[in-house]
């Protein structure tokens, strides 16, 4: 599996998890203290800016932890290349899987802490992104139409 495919899959999985969670508060434990955070607010902070703030960006955020099911399903406006940004906090890592029409397009993992962006070619049919994490925390994914990568 190429690095691009692995990162794309990771981004897709992360996105799927975020959408299903909806706008609920998430508890994060940090050094013995517990903090309530709104996933929608958090994802906006993680992906602020022109690229990720547009109306055609598909974004989702949610909780990582036992019993957390989440993700994102969307239909791209058109087939082509998309930037997929992923980030997680609180957990040690996240695994993202991207699928379309019951075919897995890719899977990848990343450590939590800083945002990761990859580019992936998506079909113009329903795309599902699922995320699973190690530990507990939050994850977020943002997908935006991009230009094809240069060789």
N, C-alpha and C. Protein backbone atom coordinates (compact mmCIF):
# COMPACT_ATOMS: atom_id res chain seq x y z
N UNK A 1 0.85 -1.16 0.00
CA UNK A 1 0.00 0.00 0.00
C UNK A 1 0.90 1.23 0.00
N UNK A 2 0.61 2.19 -0.83
CA UNK A 2 1.41 3.39 -0.88
C UNK A 2 1.07 4.30 0.28
N UNK A 3 1.97 5.22 0.58
CA UNK A 3 1.74 6.17 1.67
C UNK A 3 0.51 7.02 1.38
N UNK A 4 0.33 7.43 0.13
CA UNK A 4 -0.82 8.25 -0.24
C UNK A 4 -2.12 7.50 0.02
N UNK A 5 -2.18 6.23 -0.36
CA UNK A 5 -3.37 5.43 -0.14
C UNK A 5 -3.63 5.27 1.35
N UNK A 6 -2.58 5.03 2.11
CA UNK A 6 -2.73 4.87 3.55
C UNK A 6 -3.25 6.14 4.19
N UNK A 7 -2.68 7.27 3.82
CA UNK A 7 -3.14 8.54 4.39
C UNK A 7 -4.56 8.86 3.95
N UNK A 8 -4.88 8.55 2.70
CA UNK A 8 -6.22 8.81 2.19
C UNK A 8 -7.23 8.00 2.97
N UNK A 9 -6.93 6.76 3.19
CA UNK A 9 -7.84 5.88 3.93
C UNK A 9 -8.02 6.39 5.34
N UNK A 10 -6.93 6.84 5.94
CA UNK A 10 -7.01 7.35 7.28
C UNK A 10 -7.90 8.58 7.32
N UNK A 11 -7.75 9.43 6.37
CA UNK A 11 -8.56 10.64 6.31
C UNK A 11 -10.02 10.28 6.13
N UNK A 12 -10.28 9.34 5.28
CA UNK A 12 -11.67 8.95 5.02
C UNK A 12 -12.31 8.36 6.26
N UNK A 13 -11.60 7.53 6.95
CA UNK A 13 -12.15 6.91 8.16
C UNK A 13 -12.43 7.96 9.22
N UNK A 14 -11.53 8.87 9.37
CA UNK A 14 -11.71 9.93 10.34
C UNK A 14 -12.94 10.75 10.03
N UNK A 15 -13.15 11.05 8.79
CA UNK A 15 -14.30 11.83 8.39
C UNK A 15 -15.60 11.12 8.69
N UNK A 16 -15.69 9.84 8.44
CA UNK A 16 -16.90 9.07 8.71
C UNK A 16 -17.26 9.12 10.18
N UNK A 17 -16.31 8.98 11.04
CA UNK A 17 -16.58 8.98 12.47
C UNK A 17 -17.13 10.31 12.94
N UNK A 18 -16.64 11.38 12.41
CA UNK A 18 -17.04 12.71 12.86
C UNK A 18 -18.49 13.00 12.55
N UNK A 19 -18.98 12.70 11.39
CA UNK A 19 -20.33 13.06 10.99
C UNK A 19 -21.39 12.37 11.81
N UNK A 20 -21.20 11.13 12.12
CA UNK A 20 -22.22 10.38 12.83
C UNK A 20 -22.41 10.85 14.27
N UNK A 21 -21.42 11.50 14.83
CA UNK A 21 -21.49 11.89 16.23
C UNK A 21 -22.40 13.07 16.47
N UNK A 22 -22.51 13.98 15.54
CA UNK A 22 -23.37 15.13 15.70
C UNK A 22 -22.85 16.11 16.73
N UNK A 23 -23.63 17.17 17.00
CA UNK A 23 -23.17 18.22 17.89
C UNK A 23 -23.42 17.90 19.37
N UNK A 24 -22.62 17.04 19.93
CA UNK A 24 -22.72 16.72 21.34
C UNK A 24 -21.42 17.12 22.02
N UNK A 25 -21.47 17.30 23.32
CA UNK A 25 -20.25 17.61 24.05
C UNK A 25 -19.44 16.35 24.26
N UNK A 26 -18.13 16.50 24.27
CA UNK A 26 -17.23 15.38 24.47
C UNK A 26 -16.39 15.69 25.71
N UNK A 27 -16.26 14.70 26.59
CA UNK A 27 -15.43 14.86 27.78
C UNK A 27 -14.02 14.43 27.46
N UNK A 28 -13.07 15.28 27.77
CA UNK A 28 -11.66 14.94 27.61
C UNK A 28 -11.00 15.01 28.98
N UNK A 29 -10.24 13.96 29.33
CA UNK A 29 -9.50 13.98 30.57
C UNK A 29 -8.07 14.32 30.26
N UNK A 30 -7.57 15.37 30.92
CA UNK A 30 -6.20 15.80 30.74
C UNK A 30 -5.57 15.99 32.11
N UNK A 31 -4.58 15.19 32.42
CA UNK A 31 -3.85 15.27 33.68
C UNK A 31 -4.80 15.37 34.88
N UNK A 32 -5.81 14.48 34.93
CA UNK A 32 -6.69 14.41 36.07
C UNK A 32 -7.87 15.36 36.04
N UNK A 33 -7.96 16.25 35.07
CA UNK A 33 -9.10 17.15 34.97
C UNK A 33 -9.94 16.76 33.78
N UNK A 34 -11.24 17.05 33.86
CA UNK A 34 -12.14 16.69 32.77
C UNK A 34 -12.69 17.97 32.17
N UNK A 35 -12.68 18.06 30.83
CA UNK A 35 -13.13 19.24 30.11
C UNK A 35 -14.22 18.84 29.12
N UNK A 36 -15.30 19.63 29.03
CA UNK A 36 -16.35 19.40 28.05
C UNK A 36 -16.04 20.23 26.81
N UNK A 37 -16.10 19.60 25.62
CA UNK A 37 -15.82 20.32 24.38
C UNK A 37 -16.89 19.98 23.36
N UNK A 38 -17.26 20.95 22.58
CA UNK A 38 -18.22 20.78 21.49
C UNK A 38 -17.44 20.38 20.25
N UNK A 39 -17.69 19.17 19.68
CA UNK A 39 -16.94 18.73 18.49
C UNK A 39 -17.04 19.69 17.31
N UNK A 40 -18.21 20.31 17.10
CA UNK A 40 -18.35 21.25 15.98
C UNK A 40 -17.44 22.46 16.16
N UNK A 41 -17.39 22.99 17.38
CA UNK A 41 -16.53 24.13 17.66
C UNK A 41 -15.06 23.74 17.50
N UNK A 42 -14.72 22.57 18.01
CA UNK A 42 -13.34 22.10 17.95
C UNK A 42 -12.87 21.90 16.50
N UNK A 43 -13.72 21.28 15.65
CA UNK A 43 -13.33 21.05 14.26
C UNK A 43 -13.15 22.39 13.54
N UNK A 44 -13.96 23.38 13.85
CA UNK A 44 -13.79 24.70 13.24
C UNK A 44 -12.46 25.33 13.64
N UNK A 45 -12.02 25.10 14.87
CA UNK A 45 -10.72 25.60 15.32
C UNK A 45 -9.58 24.87 14.62
N UNK A 46 -9.73 23.56 14.43
CA UNK A 46 -8.67 22.76 13.82
C UNK A 46 -8.48 23.08 12.35
N UNK A 47 -9.57 23.34 11.64
CA UNK A 47 -9.51 23.54 10.20
C UNK A 47 -9.96 24.94 9.82
N UNK A 48 -9.55 25.94 10.57
CA UNK A 48 -9.92 27.31 10.23
C UNK A 48 -9.19 27.73 8.96
N UNK A 49 -9.65 28.76 8.37
CA UNK A 49 -8.98 29.27 7.19
C UNK A 49 -9.79 29.09 5.92
N UNK A 50 -9.29 29.69 4.87
CA UNK A 50 -9.99 29.71 3.59
C UNK A 50 -10.20 28.33 3.00
N UNK A 51 -9.19 27.47 3.06
CA UNK A 51 -9.26 26.15 2.44
C UNK A 51 -10.33 25.27 3.07
N UNK A 52 -10.43 25.29 4.39
CA UNK A 52 -11.31 24.38 5.10
C UNK A 52 -12.61 25.03 5.56
N UNK A 53 -12.75 26.33 5.37
CA UNK A 53 -13.94 27.02 5.86
C UNK A 53 -15.02 27.25 4.83
N UNK A 54 -14.81 26.79 3.60
CA UNK A 54 -15.75 27.04 2.52
C UNK A 54 -17.04 26.25 2.62
N UNK A 55 -18.04 26.66 1.87
CA UNK A 55 -19.35 26.00 1.92
C UNK A 55 -19.34 24.59 1.31
N UNK A 56 -18.39 24.26 0.47
CA UNK A 56 -18.35 22.95 -0.17
C UNK A 56 -17.45 21.96 0.55
N UNK A 57 -17.01 22.31 1.75
CA UNK A 57 -16.15 21.43 2.53
C UNK A 57 -17.04 20.50 3.36
N UNK A 58 -16.71 19.24 3.34
CA UNK A 58 -17.40 18.25 4.16
C UNK A 58 -16.57 18.08 5.42
N UNK A 59 -17.18 18.34 6.59
CA UNK A 59 -16.44 18.26 7.85
C UNK A 59 -17.24 17.47 8.87
N UNK A 60 -16.50 16.84 9.77
CA UNK A 60 -17.14 16.11 10.86
C UNK A 60 -16.16 16.02 12.02
N UNK A 61 -16.71 15.84 13.23
CA UNK A 61 -15.88 15.67 14.42
C UNK A 61 -16.64 14.79 15.38
N UNK A 62 -15.92 14.12 16.24
CA UNK A 62 -16.57 13.26 17.21
C UNK A 62 -15.63 12.77 18.28
N UNK A 63 -16.15 11.85 19.05
CA UNK A 63 -15.44 11.31 20.20
C UNK A 63 -14.71 10.03 19.85
N UNK A 64 -13.53 9.86 20.42
CA UNK A 64 -12.77 8.62 20.33
C UNK A 64 -12.91 7.94 21.68
N UNK A 65 -13.23 6.67 21.67
CA UNK A 65 -13.30 5.95 22.93
C UNK A 65 -14.20 4.75 22.83
N UNK A 66 -14.28 3.99 23.91
CA UNK A 66 -15.11 2.79 23.93
C UNK A 66 -16.56 3.12 23.59
N UNK A 67 -17.14 2.36 22.68
CA UNK A 67 -18.52 2.55 22.30
C UNK A 67 -18.78 3.72 21.37
N UNK A 68 -17.75 4.41 20.94
CA UNK A 68 -17.94 5.56 20.05
C UNK A 68 -18.00 5.09 18.62
N UNK A 69 -19.16 5.22 18.02
CA UNK A 69 -19.31 4.93 16.61
C UNK A 69 -19.56 6.26 15.94
N UNK A 70 -18.89 6.50 14.86
CA UNK A 70 -19.10 7.75 14.18
C UNK A 70 -18.46 7.72 12.82
N UNK A 71 -18.72 8.75 12.10
CA UNK A 71 -18.10 8.84 10.81
C UNK A 71 -18.79 9.85 9.95
N UNK A 72 -18.55 9.74 8.69
CA UNK A 72 -19.10 10.68 7.74
C UNK A 72 -19.50 9.93 6.48
N UNK A 73 -20.63 10.26 5.97
CA UNK A 73 -21.05 9.78 4.65
C UNK A 73 -21.43 11.01 3.84
N UNK A 74 -20.94 11.08 2.62
CA UNK A 74 -21.28 12.19 1.74
C UNK A 74 -21.10 11.74 0.31
N UNK A 75 -21.65 12.51 -0.61
CA UNK A 75 -21.47 12.25 -2.03
C UNK A 75 -20.73 13.44 -2.62
N UNK A 76 -19.49 13.23 -3.08
CA UNK A 76 -18.74 14.33 -3.67
C UNK A 76 -19.51 14.95 -4.85
N UNK A 77 -19.36 16.25 -5.00
CA UNK A 77 -20.01 16.97 -6.09
C UNK A 77 -19.62 16.38 -7.44
N UNK A 78 -18.36 16.00 -7.55
CA UNK A 78 -17.88 15.38 -8.78
C UNK A 78 -16.72 14.45 -8.44
N UNK A 79 -16.47 13.49 -9.31
CA UNK A 79 -15.31 12.61 -9.12
C UNK A 79 -14.05 13.43 -9.30
N UNK A 80 -13.03 13.11 -8.54
CA UNK A 80 -11.77 13.82 -8.70
C UNK A 80 -10.95 13.77 -7.43
N UNK A 81 -9.98 14.66 -7.37
CA UNK A 81 -9.03 14.71 -6.27
C UNK A 81 -9.56 15.59 -5.16
N UNK A 82 -9.37 15.13 -3.93
CA UNK A 82 -9.83 15.86 -2.75
C UNK A 82 -8.72 15.89 -1.71
N UNK A 83 -8.56 17.06 -1.04
CA UNK A 83 -7.69 17.16 0.12
C UNK A 83 -8.47 16.63 1.30
N UNK A 84 -7.82 15.80 2.09
CA UNK A 84 -8.44 15.25 3.29
C UNK A 84 -7.55 15.63 4.47
N UNK A 85 -8.10 16.44 5.37
CA UNK A 85 -7.38 16.84 6.57
C UNK A 85 -7.91 16.07 7.76
N UNK A 86 -7.01 15.56 8.59
CA UNK A 86 -7.39 14.77 9.76
C UNK A 86 -6.63 15.27 10.98
N UNK A 87 -7.29 15.23 12.12
CA UNK A 87 -6.62 15.60 13.37
C UNK A 87 -7.32 14.89 14.52
N UNK A 88 -6.56 14.55 15.55
CA UNK A 88 -7.15 13.99 16.75
C UNK A 88 -6.42 14.54 17.96
N UNK A 89 -7.09 14.46 19.10
CA UNK A 89 -6.55 15.03 20.34
C UNK A 89 -6.96 14.15 21.50
N UNK A 90 -6.07 13.97 22.44
CA UNK A 90 -6.39 13.21 23.64
C UNK A 90 -6.06 11.72 23.54
N UNK A 91 -6.35 11.11 22.43
CA UNK A 91 -6.04 9.70 22.20
C UNK A 91 -4.59 9.58 21.74
N UNK A 92 -4.09 8.36 21.66
CA UNK A 92 -2.72 8.19 21.19
C UNK A 92 -2.63 8.14 19.67
N UNK A 93 -3.66 7.55 19.01
CA UNK A 93 -3.63 7.45 17.55
C UNK A 93 -5.04 7.24 17.03
N UNK A 94 -5.16 7.32 15.70
CA UNK A 94 -6.44 7.10 15.05
C UNK A 94 -6.20 6.33 13.75
N UNK A 95 -7.14 5.47 13.40
CA UNK A 95 -7.12 4.74 12.14
C UNK A 95 -8.35 5.15 11.35
N UNK A 96 -8.15 5.52 10.09
CA UNK A 96 -9.23 6.01 9.24
C UNK A 96 -9.37 5.07 8.04
N UNK A 97 -10.63 4.73 7.73
CA UNK A 97 -10.92 3.88 6.57
C UNK A 97 -11.89 4.60 5.66
N UNK A 98 -11.58 4.62 4.37
CA UNK A 98 -12.43 5.26 3.36
C UNK A 98 -12.99 4.16 2.46
N UNK A 99 -14.32 4.24 2.22
CA UNK A 99 -14.97 3.23 1.39
C UNK A 99 -16.00 3.89 0.49
N UNK A 100 -16.26 3.26 -0.64
CA UNK A 100 -17.31 3.69 -1.57
C UNK A 100 -17.92 2.44 -2.18
N UNK A 101 -19.25 2.40 -2.24
CA UNK A 101 -19.96 1.25 -2.82
C UNK A 101 -19.46 -0.07 -2.23
N UNK A 102 -19.31 -0.10 -0.92
CA UNK A 102 -18.88 -1.29 -0.19
C UNK A 102 -17.48 -1.77 -0.55
N UNK A 103 -16.70 -0.96 -1.26
CA UNK A 103 -15.31 -1.27 -1.55
C UNK A 103 -14.43 -0.37 -0.70
N UNK A 104 -13.48 -0.97 0.01
CA UNK A 104 -12.54 -0.17 0.78
C UNK A 104 -11.56 0.49 -0.18
N UNK A 105 -11.47 1.82 -0.10
CA UNK A 105 -10.55 2.56 -0.96
C UNK A 105 -9.18 2.71 -0.31
N UNK A 106 -9.13 2.64 1.01
CA UNK A 106 -7.86 2.74 1.71
C UNK A 106 -8.03 2.87 3.20
N UNK A 107 -6.96 2.55 3.93
CA UNK A 107 -6.92 2.66 5.39
C UNK A 107 -5.55 3.18 5.78
N UNK A 108 -5.52 4.01 6.80
CA UNK A 108 -4.26 4.52 7.30
C UNK A 108 -4.38 4.94 8.75
N UNK A 109 -3.24 5.09 9.42
CA UNK A 109 -3.20 5.47 10.83
C UNK A 109 -2.26 6.65 11.01
N UNK A 110 -2.53 7.44 12.07
CA UNK A 110 -1.65 8.54 12.41
C UNK A 110 -1.69 8.76 13.91
N UNK A 111 -0.61 9.30 14.46
CA UNK A 111 -0.58 9.66 15.87
C UNK A 111 -1.36 10.96 16.06
N UNK A 112 -1.95 11.11 17.22
CA UNK A 112 -2.68 12.34 17.52
C UNK A 112 -1.70 13.44 17.90
N UNK A 113 -2.14 14.67 17.72
CA UNK A 113 -1.32 15.81 18.11
C UNK A 113 -1.33 16.92 17.10
N UNK A 114 -1.06 16.61 15.85
CA UNK A 114 -1.06 17.66 14.83
C UNK A 114 -1.85 17.18 13.62
N UNK A 115 -2.39 18.13 12.88
CA UNK A 115 -3.21 17.80 11.71
C UNK A 115 -2.35 17.19 10.61
N UNK A 116 -2.95 16.25 9.89
CA UNK A 116 -2.32 15.59 8.75
C UNK A 116 -3.22 15.81 7.55
N UNK A 117 -2.64 16.13 6.40
CA UNK A 117 -3.42 16.31 5.18
C UNK A 117 -2.87 15.41 4.09
N UNK A 118 -3.77 14.80 3.34
CA UNK A 118 -3.39 13.97 2.21
C UNK A 118 -4.34 14.27 1.06
N UNK A 119 -4.03 13.77 -0.10
CA UNK A 119 -4.87 13.95 -1.28
C UNK A 119 -5.31 12.58 -1.76
N UNK A 120 -6.59 12.48 -2.11
CA UNK A 120 -7.13 11.19 -2.53
C UNK A 120 -8.13 11.40 -3.66
N UNK A 121 -8.16 10.46 -4.57
CA UNK A 121 -9.13 10.51 -5.66
C UNK A 121 -10.40 9.81 -5.20
N UNK A 122 -11.53 10.51 -5.30
CA UNK A 122 -12.81 9.98 -4.86
C UNK A 122 -13.78 9.88 -6.02
N UNK A 123 -14.68 8.90 -5.98
CA UNK A 123 -15.70 8.77 -7.02
C UNK A 123 -16.85 9.74 -6.75
N UNK A 124 -17.72 9.91 -7.72
CA UNK A 124 -18.90 10.76 -7.55
C UNK A 124 -20.07 9.90 -7.07
N UNK A 125 -19.82 9.08 -6.06
CA UNK A 125 -20.85 8.26 -5.44
C UNK A 125 -20.64 8.35 -3.94
N UNK A 126 -21.57 7.81 -3.16
CA UNK A 126 -21.50 7.93 -1.71
C UNK A 126 -20.17 7.39 -1.19
N UNK A 127 -19.52 8.21 -0.37
CA UNK A 127 -18.25 7.86 0.26
C UNK A 127 -18.48 7.79 1.77
N UNK A 128 -17.96 6.75 2.39
CA UNK A 128 -18.06 6.57 3.84
C UNK A 128 -16.68 6.64 4.44
N UNK A 129 -16.57 7.36 5.53
CA UNK A 129 -15.30 7.47 6.23
C UNK A 129 -15.53 7.07 7.67
N UNK A 130 -14.72 6.14 8.17
CA UNK A 130 -14.84 5.66 9.55
C UNK A 130 -13.53 5.84 10.28
N UNK A 131 -13.62 6.18 11.57
CA UNK A 131 -12.42 6.38 12.38
C UNK A 131 -12.51 5.55 13.65
N UNK A 132 -11.39 4.99 14.02
CA UNK A 132 -11.26 4.28 15.29
C UNK A 132 -10.01 4.81 15.97
N UNK A 133 -10.08 5.02 17.27
CA UNK A 133 -8.93 5.55 17.98
C UNK A 133 -8.46 4.63 19.07
N UNK A 134 -7.24 4.90 19.52
CA UNK A 134 -6.64 4.18 20.63
C UNK A 134 -6.66 5.14 21.82
N UNK A 135 -7.42 4.81 22.83
CA UNK A 135 -7.56 5.69 23.99
C UNK A 135 -8.87 6.45 23.90
N UNK A 136 -8.92 7.63 24.49
CA UNK A 136 -10.11 8.46 24.40
C UNK A 136 -9.71 9.88 24.06
N UNK A 137 -10.61 10.57 23.36
CA UNK A 137 -10.33 11.93 22.94
C UNK A 137 -11.29 12.35 21.85
N UNK A 138 -10.82 13.19 20.94
CA UNK A 138 -11.64 13.71 19.85
C UNK A 138 -10.91 13.54 18.53
N UNK A 139 -11.68 13.49 17.44
CA UNK A 139 -11.10 13.43 16.10
C UNK A 139 -11.90 14.38 15.21
N UNK A 140 -11.30 14.79 14.11
CA UNK A 140 -11.99 15.64 13.14
C UNK A 140 -11.42 15.36 11.75
N UNK A 141 -12.28 15.51 10.75
CA UNK A 141 -11.89 15.33 9.35
C UNK A 141 -12.54 16.44 8.53
N UNK A 142 -11.82 16.94 7.55
CA UNK A 142 -12.36 17.93 6.60
C UNK A 142 -11.91 17.54 5.21
N UNK A 143 -12.85 17.57 4.24
CA UNK A 143 -12.55 17.17 2.87
C UNK A 143 -12.95 18.29 1.92
N UNK A 144 -12.02 18.67 1.04
CA UNK A 144 -12.28 19.75 0.09
C UNK A 144 -11.74 19.36 -1.29
N UNK A 145 -12.44 19.77 -2.32
CA UNK A 145 -12.01 19.52 -3.70
C UNK A 145 -10.62 20.12 -3.91
N UNK A 146 -9.76 19.40 -4.62
CA UNK A 146 -8.37 19.83 -4.83
C UNK A 146 -7.98 19.57 -6.28
N UNK A 147 -6.81 20.05 -6.62
CA UNK A 147 -6.24 19.74 -7.94
C UNK A 147 -5.47 18.44 -7.85
N UNK A 148 -5.36 17.76 -8.97
CA UNK A 148 -4.61 16.50 -9.01
C UNK A 148 -3.16 16.76 -8.60
N UNK A 149 -2.58 15.84 -7.84
CA UNK A 149 -1.18 16.01 -7.45
C UNK A 149 -0.28 15.91 -8.68
N UNK A 150 0.80 16.65 -8.61
CA UNK A 150 1.77 16.63 -9.71
C UNK A 150 2.74 15.49 -9.49
N UNK A 151 3.09 14.77 -10.56
CA UNK A 151 4.01 13.63 -10.42
C UNK A 151 5.40 14.07 -10.01
